[in-house]
Amino acid sequence: MIEKPTILITSLGRTGTEFFARLFAEILPDSTSIHEPDIFQNTGVENKWRHYLHQVRRAGIWRMVILKALGKWTLVDLSDAKFLGRMNTEGAMHGLRMQRRAFIHKLPGTAYVEANIGYYGLLDITSRVFRAHRAIFIVRDGRDWVRSHMNWGEFYGKKGLRKLISHNWPTARGLPGDTYTDKWNYMTRFEKLCWAWARLNEYALDTFSGNPHVRVFRFEEIFMGKAKYDVLMEMLTFATSLPGVSSADVSTVQGWLEQKIHKSSEGFPAWENWTNEQKRQFEHICGPLMEKLRYPIL
């Protein structure tokens, strides 16, 4: 078991995970709070090479170069393998322990905070890997998530060398029996993103339904709701209610929700300006989960 109290924040991206890593670093000064330590960051940083060097120094050359090249320093690959049925629970637990136990132990602070998309499919096993933890899964309205990723360009949009060497999200082709397995090669990127939002979120929600240490929060209620600071405080209170975690300094929280990190371009339009065909495709693929998550489609 990993002994250090741990707080995890995860999602399918475009939900402010980097924001939360920075926020927890502010309110829990006696902790180490990190955003995706196993993913080379090349966006949203002033000097990507300096940032690469910082990541290598923190994790070590062995992890960030050797193990990463071998596919053994990447949590998102564990989640993907579980989602695709290529790895069982025991294998995922072993992989998570091997990738995080020594890494977390050597970091300073009495608690560890990690914001990482890689945990999206692992929240059913975290209580069997971490001695004491809290986990937050953030969902976002599928229409805004699809639009954000259409503008961001990374999800099903990588090309050339980057497509070969970096993470590529699961596809319906890897899921025999899926409704879209045989249609995948003929689907637009828009349709594929609709599929990813529905299938991956649904998988994540189903896997951790039995884990009492995980809670779901809606992106919109944290960043845009009338009571957004109340929701943020509720989330922070839940996340820090761990033995061994010093009291959070929430005095500096006011004003944080007005910050923006990794804002995408505005090229792809909002829902109101989608074509009728796009709206039909979205409702067909995402409608059931949108309803389950209480996102009304008007």
C-alpha atoms as a PDB file:
ATOM      1  CA  MET A   1       0.000   0.000   0.000  1.00  0.00           C
ATOM      2  CA  ILE A   2       1.049   3.591  -0.591  1.00  0.00           C
ATOM      3  CA  GLU A   3       1.128   5.125   2.886  1.00  0.00           C
ATOM      4  CA  LYS A   4       1.251   8.875   2.230  1.00  0.00           C
ATOM      5  CA  PRO A   5      -2.224  10.536   2.269  1.00  0.00           C
ATOM      6  CA  THR A   6      -3.135  11.191  -1.360  1.00  0.00           C
ATOM      7  CA  ILE A   7      -5.609  13.397  -3.209  1.00  0.00           C
ATOM      8  CA  LEU A   8      -6.362  12.614  -6.856  1.00  0.00           C
ATOM      9  CA  ILE A   9      -8.156  14.769  -9.427  1.00  0.00           C
ATOM     10  CA  THR A  10      -9.028  13.258 -12.779  1.00  0.00           C
ATOM     11  CA  SER A  11     -11.269  13.644 -15.804  1.00  0.00           C
ATOM     12  CA  LEU A  12     -11.135  13.252 -19.588  1.00  0.00           C
ATOM     13  CA  GLY A  13      -9.326  16.550 -19.982  1.00  0.00           C
ATOM     14  CA  ARG A  14     -10.416  20.127 -20.715  1.00  0.00           C
ATOM     15  CA  THR A  15     -11.776  20.402 -17.163  1.00  0.00           C
ATOM     16  CA  GLY A  16      -9.132  22.431 -15.334  1.00  0.00           C
ATOM     17  CA  THR A  17      -6.957  19.660 -13.923  1.00  0.00           C
ATOM     18  CA  GLU A  18      -3.842  21.860 -14.081  1.00  0.00           C
ATOM     19  CA  PHE A  19      -5.789  24.584 -12.290  1.00  0.00           C
ATOM     20  CA  PHE A  20      -6.525  22.194  -9.424  1.00  0.00           C
ATOM     21  CA  ALA A  21      -2.903  21.089  -9.140  1.00  0.00           C
ATOM     22  CA  ARG A  22      -1.910  24.732  -8.662  1.00  0.00           C
ATOM     23  CA  LEU A  23      -4.769  25.430  -6.276  1.00  0.00           C
ATOM     24  CA  PHE A  24      -3.928  22.519  -3.966  1.00  0.00           C
ATOM     25  CA  ALA A  25      -0.275  23.600  -3.956  1.00  0.00           C
ATOM     26  CA  GLU A  26      -1.490  26.954  -2.646  1.00  0.00           C
ATOM     27  CA  ILE A  27      -3.865  25.729   0.059  1.00  0.00           C
ATOM     28  CA  LEU A  28      -1.789  22.728   1.203  1.00  0.00           C
ATOM     29  CA  PRO A  29       1.740  24.151   1.472  1.00  0.00           C
ATOM     30  CA  ASP A  30       2.953  21.049   3.333  1.00  0.00           C
ATOM     31  CA  SER A  31       2.198  18.833   0.339  1.00  0.00           C
ATOM     32  CA  THR A  32       3.534  18.109  -3.115  1.00  0.00           C
ATOM     33  CA  SER A  33       0.899  18.910  -5.737  1.00  0.00           C
ATOM     34  CA  ILE A  34       1.635  17.881  -9.331  1.00  0.00           C
ATOM     35  CA  HIS A  35      -0.078  18.008 -12.697  1.00  0.00           C
ATOM     36  CA  GLU A  36       0.471  14.890 -14.832  1.00  0.00           C
ATOM     37  CA  PRO A  37       4.035  13.983 -13.809  1.00  0.00           C
ATOM     38  CA  ASP A  38       4.165  11.175 -16.396  1.00  0.00           C
ATOM     39  CA  ILE A  39       3.112  13.238 -19.422  1.00  0.00           C
ATOM     40  CA  PHE A  40       5.535  15.585 -21.170  1.00  0.00           C
ATOM     41  CA  GLN A  41       3.823  18.977 -21.216  1.00  0.00           C
ATOM     42  CA  ASN A  42       4.334  21.025 -24.378  1.00  0.00           C
ATOM     43  CA  THR A  43       1.356  23.368 -24.166  1.00  0.00           C
ATOM     44  CA  GLY A  44       0.628  26.201 -21.801  1.00  0.00           C
ATOM     45  CA  VAL A  45       4.247  26.516 -20.625  1.00  0.00           C
ATOM     46  CA  GLU A  46       6.545  29.464 -21.267  1.00  0.00           C
ATOM     47  CA  ASN A  47       9.617  27.352 -21.998  1.00  0.00           C
ATOM     48  CA  LYS A  48       8.793  23.752 -22.891  1.00  0.00           C
ATOM     49  CA  TRP A  49      12.417  22.560 -22.805  1.00  0.00           C
ATOM     50  CA  ARG A  50      12.955  23.989 -19.338  1.00  0.00           C
ATOM     51  CA  HIS A  51       9.708  22.356 -18.268  1.00  0.00           C
ATOM     52  CA  TYR A  52      10.800  19.012 -19.780  1.00  0.00           C
ATOM     53  CA  LEU A  53      14.035  19.237 -17.793  1.00  0.00           C
ATOM     54  CA  HIS A  54      12.103  19.999 -14.619  1.00  0.00           C
ATOM     55  CA  GLN A  55       9.870  16.961 -15.186  1.00  0.00           C
ATOM     56  CA  VAL A  56      12.883  14.707 -15.803  1.00  0.00           C
ATOM     57  CA  ARG A  57      14.632  15.969 -12.670  1.00  0.00           C
ATOM     58  CA  ARG A  58      11.544  15.413 -10.546  1.00  0.00           C
ATOM     59  CA  ALA A  59      10.705  11.906 -11.766  1.00  0.00           C
ATOM     60  CA  GLY A  60      14.222  10.861 -12.716  1.00  0.00           C
ATOM     61  CA  ILE A  61      15.730   9.863 -16.043  1.00  0.00           C
ATOM     62  CA  TRP A  62      14.881   6.214 -15.387  1.00  0.00           C
ATOM     63  CA  ARG A  63      11.151   6.954 -15.218  1.00  0.00           C
ATOM     64  CA  MET A  64      10.746   9.819 -17.691  1.00  0.00           C
ATOM     65  CA  VAL A  65      13.057   8.385 -20.348  1.00  0.00           C
ATOM     66  CA  ILE A  66      13.627   4.643 -19.992  1.00  0.00           C
ATOM     67  CA  LEU A  67      10.370   3.456 -18.404  1.00  0.00           C
ATOM     68  CA  LYS A  68       8.312   5.918 -20.440  1.00  0.00           C
ATOM     69  CA  ALA A  69       9.849   4.606 -23.657  1.00  0.00           C
ATOM     70  CA  LEU A  70       8.901   1.099 -22.522  1.00  0.00           C
ATOM     71  CA  GLY A  71       5.324   2.165 -21.730  1.00  0.00           C
ATOM     72  CA  LYS A  72       5.794   1.614 -17.990  1.00  0.00           C
ATOM     73  CA  TRP A  73       5.569   5.218 -16.787  1.00  0.00           C
ATOM     74  CA  THR A  74       2.124   6.215 -18.009  1.00  0.00           C
ATOM     75  CA  LEU A  75      -1.058   5.859 -15.976  1.00  0.00           C
ATOM     76  CA  VAL A  76      -3.321   6.731 -18.877  1.00  0.00           C
ATOM     77  CA  ASP A  77      -2.142   3.609 -20.680  1.00  0.00           C
ATOM     78  CA  LEU A  78      -3.239   1.557 -17.646  1.00  0.00           C
ATOM     79  CA  SER A  79      -6.684   3.165 -17.773  1.00  0.00           C
ATOM     80  CA  ASP A  80      -6.918   2.614 -21.517  1.00  0.00           C
ATOM     81  CA  ALA A  81      -5.929  -1.051 -21.159  1.00  0.00           C
ATOM     82  CA  LYS A  82      -8.588  -1.606 -18.483  1.00  0.00           C
ATOM     83  CA  PHE A  83     -11.203   0.157 -20.577  1.00  0.00           C
ATOM     84  CA  LEU A  84     -10.377  -1.981 -23.614  1.00  0.00           C
ATOM     85  CA  GLY A  85     -10.425  -5.192 -21.565  1.00  0.00           C
ATOM     86  CA  ARG A  86      -6.726  -5.853 -22.131  1.00  0.00           C
ATOM     87  CA  MET A  87      -5.779  -5.661 -18.437  1.00  0.00           C
ATOM     88  CA  ASN A  88      -7.515  -7.101 -15.399  1.00  0.00           C
ATOM     89  CA  THR A  89      -7.887  -5.516 -11.974  1.00  0.00           C
ATOM     90  CA  GLU A  90      -4.854  -7.237 -10.468  1.00  0.00           C
ATOM     91  CA  GLY A  91      -2.662  -6.157 -13.349  1.00  0.00           C
ATOM     92  CA  ALA A  92      -3.821  -2.555 -13.030  1.00  0.00           C
ATOM     93  CA  MET A  93      -3.210  -2.549  -9.272  1.00  0.00           C
ATOM     94  CA  HIS A  94       0.297  -3.881  -9.770  1.00  0.00           C
ATOM     95  CA  GLY A  95       1.002  -1.298 -12.463  1.00  0.00           C
ATOM     96  CA  LEU A  96      -0.290   1.573 -10.333  1.00  0.00           C
ATOM     97  CA  ARG A  97       1.788   0.504  -7.316  1.00  0.00           C
ATOM     98  CA  MET A  98       4.917   0.116  -9.411  1.00  0.00           C
ATOM     99  CA  GLN A  99       4.489   3.533 -11.030  1.00  0.00           C
ATOM    100  CA  ARG A 100       3.638   5.523  -7.929  1.00  0.00           C
ATOM    101  CA  ARG A 101       4.811   3.919  -4.648  1.00  0.00           C
ATOM    102  CA  ALA A 102       8.513   4.854  -4.717  1.00  0.00           C
ATOM    103  CA  PHE A 103       7.830   8.081  -6.637  1.00  0.00           C
ATOM    104  CA  ILE A 104       5.376   9.413  -4.050  1.00  0.00           C
ATOM    105  CA  HIS A 105       7.481   8.237  -1.113  1.00  0.00           C
ATOM    106  CA  LYS A 106      10.518  10.285  -2.148  1.00  0.00           C
ATOM    107  CA  LEU A 107       8.610  13.542  -2.659  1.00  0.00           C
ATOM    108  CA  PRO A 108       8.583  16.121   0.151  1.00  0.00           C
ATOM    109  CA  GLY A 109       5.514  16.927   2.215  1.00  0.00           C
ATOM    110  CA  THR A 110       3.072  15.062   4.419  1.00  0.00           C
ATOM    111  CA  ALA A 111       0.527  14.640   1.599  1.00  0.00           C
ATOM    112  CA  TYR A 112       0.560  14.069  -2.152  1.00  0.00           C
ATOM    113  CA  VAL A 113      -1.814  15.650  -4.678  1.00  0.00           C
ATOM    114  CA  GLU A 114      -1.931  14.615  -8.318  1.00  0.00           C
ATOM    115  CA  ALA A 115      -4.163  15.946 -11.079  1.00  0.00           C
ATOM    116  CA  ASN A 116      -3.929  13.501 -13.960  1.00  0.00           C
ATOM    117  CA  ILE A 117      -6.242  12.261 -16.710  1.00  0.00           C
ATOM    118  CA  GLY A 118      -4.509   8.911 -16.296  1.00  0.00           C
ATOM    119  CA  TYR A 119      -6.638   7.938 -13.303  1.00  0.00           C
ATOM    120  CA  TYR A 120      -9.914   8.041 -15.251  1.00  0.00           C
ATOM    121  CA  GLY A 121     -10.179   4.252 -15.401  1.00  0.00           C
ATOM    122  CA  LEU A 122      -8.394   3.382 -12.150  1.00  0.00           C
ATOM    123  CA  LEU A 123     -10.670   4.804  -9.456  1.00  0.00           C
ATOM    124  CA  ASP A 124     -12.161   1.408  -8.674  1.00  0.00           C
ATOM    125  CA  ILE A 125      -8.752   0.170  -7.486  1.00  0.00           C
ATOM    126  CA  THR A 126      -7.319   3.235  -5.731  1.00  0.00           C
ATOM    127  CA  SER A 127      -8.685   2.200  -2.326  1.00  0.00           C
ATOM    128  CA  ARG A 128      -6.649  -1.017  -2.657  1.00  0.00           C
ATOM    129  CA  VAL A 129      -3.460   0.843  -3.560  1.00  0.00           C
ATOM    130  CA  PHE A 130      -3.559   3.975  -1.375  1.00  0.00           C
ATOM    131  CA  ARG A 131      -3.871   3.625   2.403  1.00  0.00           C
ATOM    132  CA  ALA A 132      -5.788   6.912   2.688  1.00  0.00           C
ATOM    133  CA  HIS A 133      -7.029   8.859  -0.290  1.00  0.00           C
ATOM    134  CA  ARG A 134      -9.734  11.042  -1.748  1.00  0.00           C
ATOM    135  CA  ALA A 135     -10.445  11.275  -5.460  1.00  0.00           C
ATOM    136  CA  ILE A 136     -12.388  13.781  -7.505  1.00  0.00           C
ATOM    137  CA  PHE A 137     -13.760  13.037 -10.956  1.00  0.00           C
ATOM    138  CA  ILE A 138     -14.845  16.074 -12.958  1.00  0.00           C
ATOM    139  CA  VAL A 139     -17.436  15.834 -15.708  1.00  0.00           C
ATOM    140  CA  ARG A 140     -18.290  18.515 -18.228  1.00  0.00           C
ATOM    141  CA  ASP A 141     -21.295  19.090 -20.478  1.00  0.00           C
ATOM    142  CA  GLY A 142     -20.604  16.945 -23.531  1.00  0.00           C
ATOM    143  CA  ARG A 143     -21.388  19.767 -25.950  1.00  0.00           C
ATOM    144  CA  ASP A 144     -18.753  22.045 -24.419  1.00  0.00           C
ATOM    145  CA  TRP A 145     -16.265  19.187 -24.000  1.00  0.00           C
ATOM    146  CA  VAL A 146     -16.558  18.191 -27.671  1.00  0.00           C
ATOM    147  CA  ARG A 147     -16.262  21.802 -28.773  1.00  0.00           C
ATOM    148  CA  SER A 148     -13.226  22.362 -26.559  1.00  0.00           C
ATOM    149  CA  HIS A 149     -11.475  19.286 -27.926  1.00  0.00           C
ATOM    150  CA  MET A 150     -12.388  20.163 -31.523  1.00  0.00           C
ATOM    151  CA  ASN A 151     -10.605  23.471 -30.951  1.00  0.00           C
ATOM    152  CA  TRP A 152      -7.757  22.010 -28.886  1.00  0.00           C
ATOM    153  CA  GLY A 153      -6.829  19.489 -31.564  1.00  0.00           C
ATOM    154  CA  GLU A 154      -5.015  16.849 -29.490  1.00  0.00           C
ATOM    155  CA  PHE A 155      -7.780  14.256 -28.972  1.00  0.00           C
ATOM    156  CA  TYR A 156      -7.940  12.152 -32.207  1.00  0.00           C
ATOM    157  CA  GLY A 157      -6.157  15.027 -33.910  1.00  0.00           C
ATOM    158  CA  LYS A 158      -2.457  14.204 -33.592  1.00  0.00           C
ATOM    159  CA  LYS A 159      -0.407  13.844 -36.737  1.00  0.00           C
ATOM    160  CA  GLY A 160       3.027  12.746 -37.858  1.00  0.00           C
ATOM    161  CA  LEU A 161       5.682  11.878 -35.292  1.00  0.00           C
ATOM    162  CA  ARG A 162       3.561  13.083 -32.373  1.00  0.00           C
ATOM    163  CA  LYS A 163       0.873  10.539 -33.255  1.00  0.00           C
ATOM    164  CA  LEU A 164       3.472   7.781 -33.260  1.00  0.00           C
ATOM    165  CA  ILE A 165       5.248   8.559 -29.978  1.00  0.00           C
ATOM    166  CA  SER A 166       2.596  10.145 -27.740  1.00  0.00           C
ATOM    167  CA  HIS A 167      -0.601   8.861 -26.160  1.00  0.00           C
ATOM    168  CA  ASN A 168      -3.496   8.005 -28.450  1.00  0.00           C
ATOM    169  CA  TRP A 169      -6.933   7.586 -26.906  1.00  0.00           C
ATOM    170  CA  PRO A 170      -8.936   4.338 -27.258  1.00  0.00           C
ATOM    171  CA  THR A 171     -11.112   3.889 -30.312  1.00  0.00           C
ATOM    172  CA  ALA A 172     -14.211   1.838 -31.016  1.00  0.00           C
ATOM    173  CA  ARG A 173     -12.087  -0.426 -33.210  1.00  0.00           C
ATOM    174  CA  GLY A 174     -10.466  -1.698 -30.027  1.00  0.00           C
ATOM    175  CA  LEU A 175     -13.818  -2.685 -28.562  1.00  0.00           C
ATOM    176  CA  PRO A 176     -15.251  -5.651 -30.468  1.00  0.00           C
ATOM    177  CA  GLY A 177     -19.016  -5.581 -30.261  1.00  0.00           C
ATOM    178  CA  ASP A 178     -19.246  -1.825 -29.767  1.00  0.00           C
ATOM    179  CA  THR A 179     -21.957  -0.178 -31.848  1.00  0.00           C
ATOM    180  CA  TYR A 180     -19.338   1.874 -33.678  1.00  0.00           C
ATOM    181  CA  THR A 181     -16.559  -0.718 -34.136  1.00  0.00           C
ATOM    182  CA  ASP A 182     -17.214  -1.228 -37.855  1.00  0.00           C
ATOM    183  CA  LYS A 183     -18.154   2.407 -38.454  1.00  0.00           C
ATOM    184  CA  TRP A 184     -15.090   3.986 -36.851  1.00  0.00           C
ATOM    185  CA  ASN A 185     -13.008   4.507 -39.987  1.00  0.00           C
ATOM    186  CA  TYR A 186     -15.891   6.350 -41.630  1.00  0.00           C
ATOM    187  CA  MET A 187     -16.719   8.602 -38.676  1.00  0.00           C
ATOM    188  CA  THR A 188     -15.723  12.274 -38.552  1.00  0.00           C
ATOM    189  CA  ARG A 189     -13.492  13.542 -35.767  1.00  0.00           C
ATOM    190  CA  PHE A 190     -16.577  15.219 -34.318  1.00  0.00           C
ATOM    191  CA  GLU A 191     -18.417  11.895 -34.102  1.00  0.00           C
ATOM    192  CA  LYS A 192     -15.376  10.198 -32.592  1.00  0.00           C
ATOM    193  CA  LEU A 193     -15.180  12.827 -29.860  1.00  0.00           C
ATOM    194  CA  CYS A 194     -18.869  12.330 -29.112  1.00  0.00           C
ATOM    195  CA  TRP A 195     -18.168   8.607 -28.766  1.00  0.00           C
ATOM    196  CA  ALA A 196     -15.187   9.222 -26.469  1.00  0.00           C
ATOM    197  CA  TRP A 197     -17.131  11.555 -24.178  1.00  0.00           C
ATOM    198  CA  ALA A 198     -19.956   9.038 -23.814  1.00  0.00           C
ATOM    199  CA  ARG A 199     -18.003   5.786 -23.588  1.00  0.00           C
ATOM    200  CA  LEU A 200     -15.047   6.878 -21.447  1.00  0.00           C
ATOM    201  CA  ASN A 201     -17.105   8.906 -18.977  1.00  0.00           C
ATOM    202  CA  GLU A 202     -19.621   6.090 -18.685  1.00  0.00           C
ATOM    203  CA  TYR A 203     -16.828   3.608 -18.009  1.00  0.00           C
ATOM    204  CA  ALA A 204     -15.247   5.829 -15.362  1.00  0.00           C
ATOM    205  CA  LEU A 205     -18.546   6.471 -13.588  1.00  0.00           C
ATOM    206  CA  ASP A 206     -19.392   2.763 -13.551  1.00  0.00           C
ATOM    207  CA  THR A 207     -15.988   1.656 -12.263  1.00  0.00           C
ATOM    208  CA  PHE A 208     -15.860   3.863  -9.177  1.00  0.00           C
ATOM    209  CA  SER A 209     -19.529   3.658  -8.211  1.00  0.00           C
ATOM    210  CA  GLY A 210     -18.554   1.408  -5.289  1.00  0.00           C
ATOM    211  CA  ASN A 211     -15.661   3.534  -4.028  1.00  0.00           C
ATOM    212  CA  PRO A 212     -16.853   5.826  -1.183  1.00  0.00           C
ATOM    213  CA  HIS A 213     -13.648   7.859  -1.422  1.00  0.00           C
ATOM    214  CA  VAL A 214     -14.535   9.233  -4.870  1.00  0.00           C
ATOM    215  CA  ARG A 215     -16.925  12.059  -5.661  1.00  0.00           C
ATOM    216  CA  VAL A 216     -18.117  13.517  -8.944  1.00  0.00           C
ATOM    217  CA  PHE A 217     -18.222  17.269  -9.466  1.00  0.00           C
ATOM    218  CA  ARG A 218     -19.587  19.118 -12.483  1.00  0.00           C
ATOM    219  CA  PHE A 219     -17.226  21.504 -14.243  1.00  0.00           C
ATOM    220  CA  GLU A 220     -19.970  24.062 -14.772  1.00  0.00           C
ATOM    221  CA  GLU A 221     -20.956  24.204 -11.096  1.00  0.00           C
ATOM    222  CA  ILE A 222     -17.356  24.879 -10.080  1.00  0.00           C
ATOM    223  CA  PHE A 223     -16.398  27.426 -12.718  1.00  0.00           C
ATOM    224  CA  MET A 224     -19.652  29.035 -13.867  1.00  0.00           C
ATOM    225  CA  GLY A 225     -22.406  28.441 -11.318  1.00  0.00           C
ATOM    226  CA  LYS A 226     -23.902  31.184  -9.166  1.00  0.00           C
ATOM    227  CA  ALA A 227     -22.629  29.371  -6.076  1.00  0.00           C
ATOM    228  CA  LYS A 228     -19.308  28.363  -7.624  1.00  0.00           C
ATOM    229  CA  TYR A 229     -17.226  29.191  -4.560  1.00  0.00           C
ATOM    230  CA  ASP A 230     -19.575  27.191  -2.362  1.00  0.00           C
ATOM    231  CA  VAL A 231     -19.145  24.198  -4.671  1.00  0.00           C
ATOM    232  CA  LEU A 232     -15.384  24.697  -4.736  1.00  0.00           C
ATOM    233  CA  MET A 233     -15.293  24.775  -0.924  1.00  0.00           C
ATOM    234  CA  GLU A 234     -17.397  21.601  -0.798  1.00  0.00           C
ATOM    235  CA  MET A 235     -14.920  19.914  -3.104  1.00  0.00           C
ATOM    236  CA  LEU A 236     -11.897  21.100  -1.133  1.00  0.00           C
ATOM    237  CA  THR A 237     -13.463  20.050   2.170  1.00  0.00           C
ATOM    238  CA  PHE A 238     -14.126  16.562   0.837  1.00  0.00           C
ATOM    239  CA  ALA A 239     -10.663  16.239  -0.709  1.00  0.00           C
ATOM    240  CA  THR A 240      -8.784  17.320   2.410  1.00  0.00           C
ATOM    241  CA  SER A 241     -10.827  15.292   4.912  1.00  0.00           C
ATOM    242  CA  LEU A 242      -7.990  12.829   5.313  1.00  0.00           C
ATOM    243  CA  PRO A 243      -6.022  11.785   8.383  1.00  0.00           C
ATOM    244  CA  GLY A 244      -2.534  13.188   8.121  1.00  0.00           C
ATOM    245  CA  VAL A 245      -3.519  16.126   5.915  1.00  0.00           C
ATOM    246  CA  SER A 246      -2.944  19.465   7.595  1.00  0.00           C
ATOM    247  CA  SER A 247      -5.804  21.946   7.593  1.00  0.00           C
ATOM    248  CA  ALA A 248      -6.192  23.600   4.226  1.00  0.00           C
ATOM    249  CA  ASP A 249      -5.480  27.322   4.038  1.00  0.00           C
ATOM    250  CA  VAL A 250      -8.575  28.415   2.132  1.00  0.00           C
ATOM    251  CA  SER A 251      -8.085  32.116   2.818  1.00  0.00           C
ATOM    252  CA  THR A 252      -6.553  32.592  -0.630  1.00  0.00           C
ATOM    253  CA  VAL A 253      -9.215  30.725  -2.623  1.00  0.00           C
ATOM    254  CA  GLN A 254     -11.250  33.828  -3.462  1.00  0.00           C
ATOM    255  CA  GLY A 255     -10.407  34.969  -6.965  1.00  0.00           C
ATOM    256  CA  TRP A 256      -8.972  31.656  -8.173  1.00  0.00           C
ATOM    257  CA  LEU A 257     -12.031  30.790 -10.255  1.00  0.00           C
ATOM    258  CA  GLU A 258     -11.507  33.861 -12.384  1.00  0.00           C
ATOM    259  CA  GLN A 259      -8.213  32.422 -13.652  1.00  0.00           C
ATOM    260  CA  LYS A 260      -8.097  30.556 -16.962  1.00  0.00           C
ATOM    261  CA  ILE A 261      -5.628  27.836 -17.891  1.00  0.00           C
ATOM    262  CA  HIS A 262      -5.202  26.330 -21.362  1.00  0.00           C
ATOM    263  CA  LYS A 263      -8.097  28.190 -22.938  1.00  0.00           C
ATOM    264  CA  SER A 264      -8.767  26.708 -26.359  1.00  0.00           C
ATOM    265  CA  SER A 265      -9.308  28.638 -29.574  1.00  0.00           C
ATOM    266  CA  GLU A 266     -12.770  29.636 -30.719  1.00  0.00           C
ATOM    267  CA  GLY A 267     -12.729  28.067 -34.193  1.00  0.00           C
ATOM    268  CA  PHE A 268     -15.366  25.386 -33.674  1.00  0.00           C
ATOM    269  CA  PRO A 269     -18.778  26.903 -32.814  1.00  0.00           C
ATOM    270  CA  ALA A 270     -20.947  26.481 -29.741  1.00  0.00           C
ATOM    271  CA  TRP A 271     -23.915  24.067 -29.715  1.00  0.00           C
ATOM    272  CA  GLU A 272     -26.375  26.715 -30.915  1.00  0.00           C
ATOM    273  CA  ASN A 273     -24.460  27.038 -34.180  1.00  0.00           C
ATOM    274  CA  TRP A 274     -23.895  23.344 -34.875  1.00  0.00           C
ATOM    275  CA  THR A 275     -25.488  21.926 -37.979  1.00  0.00           C
ATOM    276  CA  ASN A 276     -28.656  19.890 -37.599  1.00  0.00           C
ATOM    277  CA  GLU A 277     -26.654  16.792 -38.523  1.00  0.00           C
ATOM    278  CA  GLN A 278     -24.087  17.455 -35.792  1.00  0.00           C
ATOM    279  CA  LYS A 279     -26.842  17.947 -33.226  1.00  0.00           C
ATOM    280  CA  ARG A 280     -28.481  14.730 -34.328  1.00  0.00           C
ATOM    281  CA  GLN A 281     -25.202  12.807 -34.107  1.00  0.00           C
ATOM    282  CA  PHE A 282     -24.437  14.206 -30.669  1.00  0.00           C
ATOM    283  CA  GLU A 283     -27.880  13.420 -29.272  1.00  0.00           C
ATOM    284  CA  HIS A 284     -27.751   9.897 -30.685  1.00  0.00           C
ATOM    285  CA  ILE A 285     -24.340   9.092 -29.195  1.00  0.00           C
ATOM    286  CA  CYS A 286     -24.283  11.201 -26.027  1.00  0.00           C
ATOM    287  CA  GLY A 287     -27.957  11.713 -25.203  1.00  0.00           C
ATOM    288  CA  PRO A 288     -28.378   8.854 -22.667  1.00  0.00           C
ATOM    289  CA  LEU A 289     -25.375   9.884 -20.579  1.00  0.00           C
ATOM    290  CA  MET A 290     -26.241  13.578 -20.848  1.00  0.00           C
ATOM    291  CA  GLU A 291     -29.622  12.745 -19.332  1.00  0.00           C
ATOM    292  CA  LYS A 292     -28.045  10.596 -16.615  1.00  0.00           C
ATOM    293  CA  LEU A 293     -25.712  13.465 -15.672  1.00  0.00           C
ATOM    294  CA  ARG A 294     -28.606  15.944 -15.650  1.00  0.00           C
ATOM    295  CA  TYR A 295     -27.437  17.983 -18.632  1.00  0.00           C
ATOM    296  CA  PRO A 296     -30.614  18.969 -20.495  1.00  0.00           C
ATOM    297  CA  ILE A 297     -30.420  19.095 -24.289  1.00  0.00           C
ATOM    298  CA  LEU A 298     -32.659  21.944 -25.351  1.00  0.00           C
END
